[in-house]
């Protein structure tokens, strides 16, 4: 998916948009977010390990979603990872 289309979709669905860069092989250990997330990898690769799903590496152009409260970890690829993240608080928390 291209970035412009992805960002338009995020905006239309009420997500706040952020751009994040992780250094090569950086690890964000297991954690949870209080928001729903939708991400597009725009450069590099990112491996996500999360509860209830197989570990998967996402490459440039691939998207994924993470519901709030889901335990997960993130690992950047050998060249790092840059991604666009959409964040939206669940309706009952606003």
N, C-alpha and C. Protein backbone atom coordinates (compact mmCIF):
# COMPACT_ATOMS: atom_id res chain seq x y z
N UNK A 1 0.85 -1.18 0.00
CA UNK A 1 0.00 0.00 0.00
C UNK A 1 0.89 1.24 0.00
N UNK A 2 0.47 2.29 -0.67
CA UNK A 2 1.27 3.51 -0.68
C UNK A 2 0.90 4.39 0.52
N UNK A 3 1.83 5.22 0.92
CA UNK A 3 1.69 6.03 2.13
C UNK A 3 0.50 6.99 2.06
N UNK A 4 0.29 7.67 0.95
CA UNK A 4 -0.80 8.64 0.84
C UNK A 4 -2.16 7.96 1.03
N UNK A 5 -2.35 6.82 0.41
CA UNK A 5 -3.61 6.09 0.56
C UNK A 5 -3.80 5.62 1.99
N UNK A 6 -2.72 5.13 2.60
CA UNK A 6 -2.78 4.65 3.98
C UNK A 6 -3.14 5.80 4.93
N UNK A 7 -2.47 6.93 4.79
CA UNK A 7 -2.75 8.07 5.67
C UNK A 7 -4.16 8.60 5.48
N UNK A 8 -4.66 8.60 4.25
CA UNK A 8 -6.04 9.03 4.01
C UNK A 8 -7.02 8.10 4.71
N UNK A 9 -6.73 6.80 4.67
CA UNK A 9 -7.57 5.82 5.36
C UNK A 9 -7.55 6.05 6.87
N UNK A 10 -6.36 6.31 7.41
CA UNK A 10 -6.26 6.58 8.85
C UNK A 10 -7.08 7.79 9.24
N UNK A 11 -6.92 8.87 8.50
CA UNK A 11 -7.65 10.10 8.79
C UNK A 11 -9.15 9.85 8.73
N UNK A 12 -9.60 9.15 7.71
CA UNK A 12 -11.02 8.86 7.55
C UNK A 12 -11.58 8.01 8.67
N UNK A 13 -10.73 7.18 9.29
CA UNK A 13 -11.17 6.31 10.37
C UNK A 13 -10.90 6.89 11.76
N UNK A 14 -10.46 8.15 11.82
CA UNK A 14 -10.29 8.83 13.10
C UNK A 14 -9.00 8.52 13.84
N UNK A 15 -7.96 8.10 13.13
CA UNK A 15 -6.68 7.82 13.76
C UNK A 15 -5.80 9.06 13.77
N UNK A 16 -5.01 9.21 14.83
CA UNK A 16 -3.94 10.21 14.90
C UNK A 16 -2.74 9.59 14.19
N UNK A 17 -2.03 10.37 13.38
CA UNK A 17 -0.93 9.83 12.57
C UNK A 17 0.43 10.27 13.13
N UNK A 18 1.35 9.30 13.21
CA UNK A 18 2.72 9.56 13.63
C UNK A 18 3.67 8.80 12.73
N UNK A 19 4.88 9.32 12.59
CA UNK A 19 5.93 8.62 11.86
C UNK A 19 7.01 8.24 12.88
N UNK A 20 7.47 7.00 12.82
CA UNK A 20 8.42 6.48 13.80
C UNK A 20 9.57 5.79 13.06
N UNK A 21 10.79 6.00 13.54
CA UNK A 21 11.95 5.29 13.01
C UNK A 21 12.62 4.52 14.15
N UNK A 22 12.88 3.25 13.90
CA UNK A 22 13.61 2.41 14.85
C UNK A 22 15.00 2.15 14.26
N UNK A 23 16.01 2.17 15.10
CA UNK A 23 17.37 1.90 14.69
C UNK A 23 17.53 0.42 14.32
N UNK A 24 18.55 0.07 13.55
CA UNK A 24 18.76 -1.33 13.17
C UNK A 24 18.80 -2.25 14.39
N UNK A 25 18.05 -3.33 14.28
CA UNK A 25 17.97 -4.38 15.32
C UNK A 25 17.45 -3.90 16.67
N UNK A 26 16.86 -2.71 16.73
CA UNK A 26 16.30 -2.21 17.99
C UNK A 26 15.12 -3.08 18.40
N UNK A 27 14.96 -3.24 19.71
CA UNK A 27 13.89 -4.07 20.25
C UNK A 27 13.06 -3.24 21.23
N UNK A 28 11.76 -3.26 21.05
CA UNK A 28 10.82 -2.74 22.04
C UNK A 28 10.25 -3.97 22.72
N UNK A 29 10.67 -4.24 23.97
CA UNK A 29 10.21 -5.48 24.63
C UNK A 29 8.70 -5.50 24.82
N UNK A 30 8.20 -6.63 25.23
CA UNK A 30 6.75 -6.83 25.37
C UNK A 30 6.11 -5.70 26.17
N UNK A 31 5.03 -5.17 25.58
CA UNK A 31 4.28 -4.07 26.18
C UNK A 31 2.87 -4.06 25.60
N UNK A 32 2.03 -3.16 26.10
CA UNK A 32 0.67 -2.97 25.57
C UNK A 32 0.45 -1.48 25.37
N UNK A 33 -0.53 -1.15 24.53
CA UNK A 33 -0.93 0.24 24.30
C UNK A 33 -2.40 0.40 24.70
N UNK A 34 -2.77 1.59 25.17
CA UNK A 34 -4.17 1.85 25.49
C UNK A 34 -4.99 2.26 24.27
N UNK A 35 -4.39 2.17 23.08
CA UNK A 35 -5.05 2.59 21.85
C UNK A 35 -4.96 1.49 20.80
N UNK A 36 -5.87 1.55 19.82
CA UNK A 36 -5.80 0.68 18.65
C UNK A 36 -4.73 1.27 17.73
N UNK A 37 -3.97 0.41 17.08
CA UNK A 37 -2.91 0.88 16.19
C UNK A 37 -3.05 0.23 14.82
N UNK A 38 -2.72 1.00 13.81
CA UNK A 38 -2.67 0.51 12.43
C UNK A 38 -1.37 1.07 11.85
N UNK A 39 -0.52 0.20 11.30
CA UNK A 39 0.81 0.61 10.85
C UNK A 39 1.09 0.22 9.42
N UNK A 40 1.90 1.06 8.78
CA UNK A 40 2.43 0.81 7.43
C UNK A 40 3.95 0.94 7.52
N UNK A 41 4.67 -0.10 7.16
CA UNK A 41 6.13 -0.04 7.10
C UNK A 41 6.49 0.71 5.82
N UNK A 42 7.21 1.83 5.96
CA UNK A 42 7.58 2.61 4.78
C UNK A 42 9.04 2.43 4.39
N UNK A 43 9.85 1.84 5.29
CA UNK A 43 11.24 1.55 4.95
C UNK A 43 11.76 0.50 5.92
N UNK A 44 12.51 -0.45 5.40
CA UNK A 44 13.08 -1.48 6.25
C UNK A 44 12.10 -2.61 6.53
N UNK A 45 12.26 -3.21 7.70
CA UNK A 45 11.41 -4.34 8.10
C UNK A 45 11.21 -4.31 9.61
N UNK A 46 10.09 -4.89 10.04
CA UNK A 46 9.74 -4.90 11.46
C UNK A 46 9.11 -6.24 11.80
N UNK A 47 9.63 -6.90 12.82
CA UNK A 47 9.06 -8.16 13.27
C UNK A 47 8.20 -7.91 14.50
N UNK A 48 6.98 -8.44 14.44
CA UNK A 48 6.03 -8.29 15.54
C UNK A 48 5.75 -9.67 16.13
N UNK A 49 5.91 -9.75 17.43
CA UNK A 49 5.54 -10.96 18.17
C UNK A 49 4.40 -10.55 19.09
N UNK A 50 3.23 -11.21 18.94
CA UNK A 50 2.09 -10.82 19.77
C UNK A 50 1.30 -12.03 20.21
N UNK A 51 0.58 -11.81 21.31
CA UNK A 51 -0.21 -12.89 21.86
C UNK A 51 -1.29 -13.32 20.88
N UNK A 52 -1.47 -14.62 20.77
CA UNK A 52 -2.54 -15.14 19.94
C UNK A 52 -2.27 -15.13 18.45
N UNK A 53 -1.04 -14.82 18.04
CA UNK A 53 -0.74 -14.77 16.60
C UNK A 53 0.70 -15.23 16.39
N UNK A 54 0.98 -15.80 15.22
CA UNK A 54 2.37 -16.18 14.95
C UNK A 54 3.25 -14.94 14.76
N UNK A 55 4.52 -15.07 15.09
CA UNK A 55 5.47 -13.99 14.87
C UNK A 55 5.57 -13.75 13.37
N UNK A 56 5.60 -12.47 12.98
CA UNK A 56 5.63 -12.15 11.56
C UNK A 56 6.52 -10.93 11.31
N UNK A 57 7.26 -10.98 10.22
CA UNK A 57 8.07 -9.84 9.79
C UNK A 57 7.34 -9.12 8.67
N UNK A 58 7.16 -7.82 8.85
CA UNK A 58 6.49 -6.97 7.87
C UNK A 58 7.55 -6.18 7.11
N UNK A 59 7.43 -6.17 5.80
CA UNK A 59 8.37 -5.49 4.91
C UNK A 59 7.77 -4.17 4.44
N UNK A 60 8.60 -3.37 3.78
CA UNK A 60 8.15 -2.10 3.21
C UNK A 60 6.88 -2.31 2.37
N UNK A 61 5.86 -1.48 2.65
CA UNK A 61 4.60 -1.55 1.92
C UNK A 61 3.54 -2.41 2.58
N UNK A 62 3.91 -3.15 3.62
CA UNK A 62 2.94 -4.01 4.31
C UNK A 62 2.35 -3.28 5.52
N UNK A 63 1.11 -3.62 5.82
CA UNK A 63 0.39 -3.02 6.94
C UNK A 63 -0.03 -4.08 7.94
N UNK A 64 -0.31 -3.63 9.15
CA UNK A 64 -0.89 -4.52 10.16
C UNK A 64 -1.64 -3.69 11.19
N UNK A 65 -2.51 -4.36 11.93
CA UNK A 65 -3.30 -3.71 12.97
C UNK A 65 -3.04 -4.39 14.30
N UNK A 66 -3.14 -3.61 15.37
CA UNK A 66 -2.94 -4.11 16.71
C UNK A 66 -4.04 -3.52 17.60
N UNK A 67 -4.90 -4.36 18.17
CA UNK A 67 -5.93 -3.82 19.05
C UNK A 67 -5.34 -3.35 20.38
N UNK A 68 -5.98 -2.40 21.01
CA UNK A 68 -5.51 -1.93 22.31
C UNK A 68 -5.49 -3.10 23.30
N UNK A 69 -4.53 -3.05 24.21
CA UNK A 69 -4.43 -4.08 25.23
C UNK A 69 -3.74 -5.37 24.81
N UNK A 70 -3.30 -5.48 23.57
CA UNK A 70 -2.64 -6.69 23.06
C UNK A 70 -1.16 -6.66 23.43
N UNK A 71 -0.70 -7.67 24.16
CA UNK A 71 0.72 -7.77 24.50
C UNK A 71 1.51 -8.09 23.24
N UNK A 72 2.58 -7.32 23.02
CA UNK A 72 3.39 -7.54 21.82
C UNK A 72 4.78 -6.95 22.00
N UNK A 73 5.70 -7.37 21.14
CA UNK A 73 7.04 -6.79 21.08
C UNK A 73 7.34 -6.45 19.62
N UNK A 74 8.29 -5.55 19.43
CA UNK A 74 8.65 -5.08 18.09
C UNK A 74 10.17 -5.15 17.95
N UNK A 75 10.63 -5.67 16.82
CA UNK A 75 12.06 -5.72 16.54
C UNK A 75 12.30 -5.19 15.13
N UNK A 76 13.16 -4.18 15.02
CA UNK A 76 13.51 -3.63 13.70
C UNK A 76 14.44 -4.58 12.98
N UNK A 77 14.41 -4.53 11.66
CA UNK A 77 15.30 -5.36 10.85
C UNK A 77 16.73 -4.85 10.88
N UNK A 78 17.58 -5.54 10.14
CA UNK A 78 19.01 -5.19 10.10
C UNK A 78 19.27 -3.77 9.59
N UNK A 79 18.37 -3.25 8.76
CA UNK A 79 18.51 -1.89 8.24
C UNK A 79 17.63 -0.90 9.00
N UNK A 80 17.01 -1.34 10.09
CA UNK A 80 16.10 -0.50 10.84
C UNK A 80 14.70 -0.58 10.27
N UNK A 81 13.82 0.27 10.78
CA UNK A 81 12.44 0.31 10.30
C UNK A 81 11.88 1.70 10.48
N UNK A 82 11.20 2.18 9.46
CA UNK A 82 10.44 3.42 9.56
C UNK A 82 9.01 3.07 9.21
N UNK A 83 8.08 3.57 10.04
CA UNK A 83 6.69 3.25 9.79
C UNK A 83 5.79 4.42 10.13
N UNK A 84 4.63 4.43 9.49
CA UNK A 84 3.57 5.37 9.80
C UNK A 84 2.63 4.64 10.73
N UNK A 85 2.35 5.26 11.88
CA UNK A 85 1.48 4.64 12.87
C UNK A 85 0.23 5.48 13.06
N UNK A 86 -0.90 4.81 12.96
CA UNK A 86 -2.17 5.43 13.29
C UNK A 86 -2.59 4.96 14.67
N UNK A 87 -2.97 5.90 15.53
CA UNK A 87 -3.38 5.57 16.89
C UNK A 87 -4.77 6.13 17.14
N UNK A 88 -5.63 5.29 17.70
CA UNK A 88 -7.01 5.73 18.00
C UNK A 88 -7.43 5.13 19.34
N UNK A 89 -7.82 6.00 20.24
CA UNK A 89 -8.30 5.54 21.54
C UNK A 89 -9.65 4.84 21.35
N UNK A 90 -9.88 3.76 22.10
CA UNK A 90 -11.18 3.08 21.99
C UNK A 90 -12.30 4.00 22.48
N UNK A 91 -13.50 3.84 21.94
CA UNK A 91 -14.61 4.75 22.26
C UNK A 91 -14.91 4.87 23.75
N UNK A 92 -14.76 3.81 24.50
CA UNK A 92 -15.12 3.85 25.93
C UNK A 92 -14.08 4.56 26.80
N UNK A 93 -12.94 4.97 26.23
CA UNK A 93 -11.90 5.61 27.03
C UNK A 93 -11.81 7.11 26.77
N UNK A 94 -12.61 7.63 25.86
CA UNK A 94 -12.52 9.06 25.53
C UNK A 94 -13.43 9.88 26.38
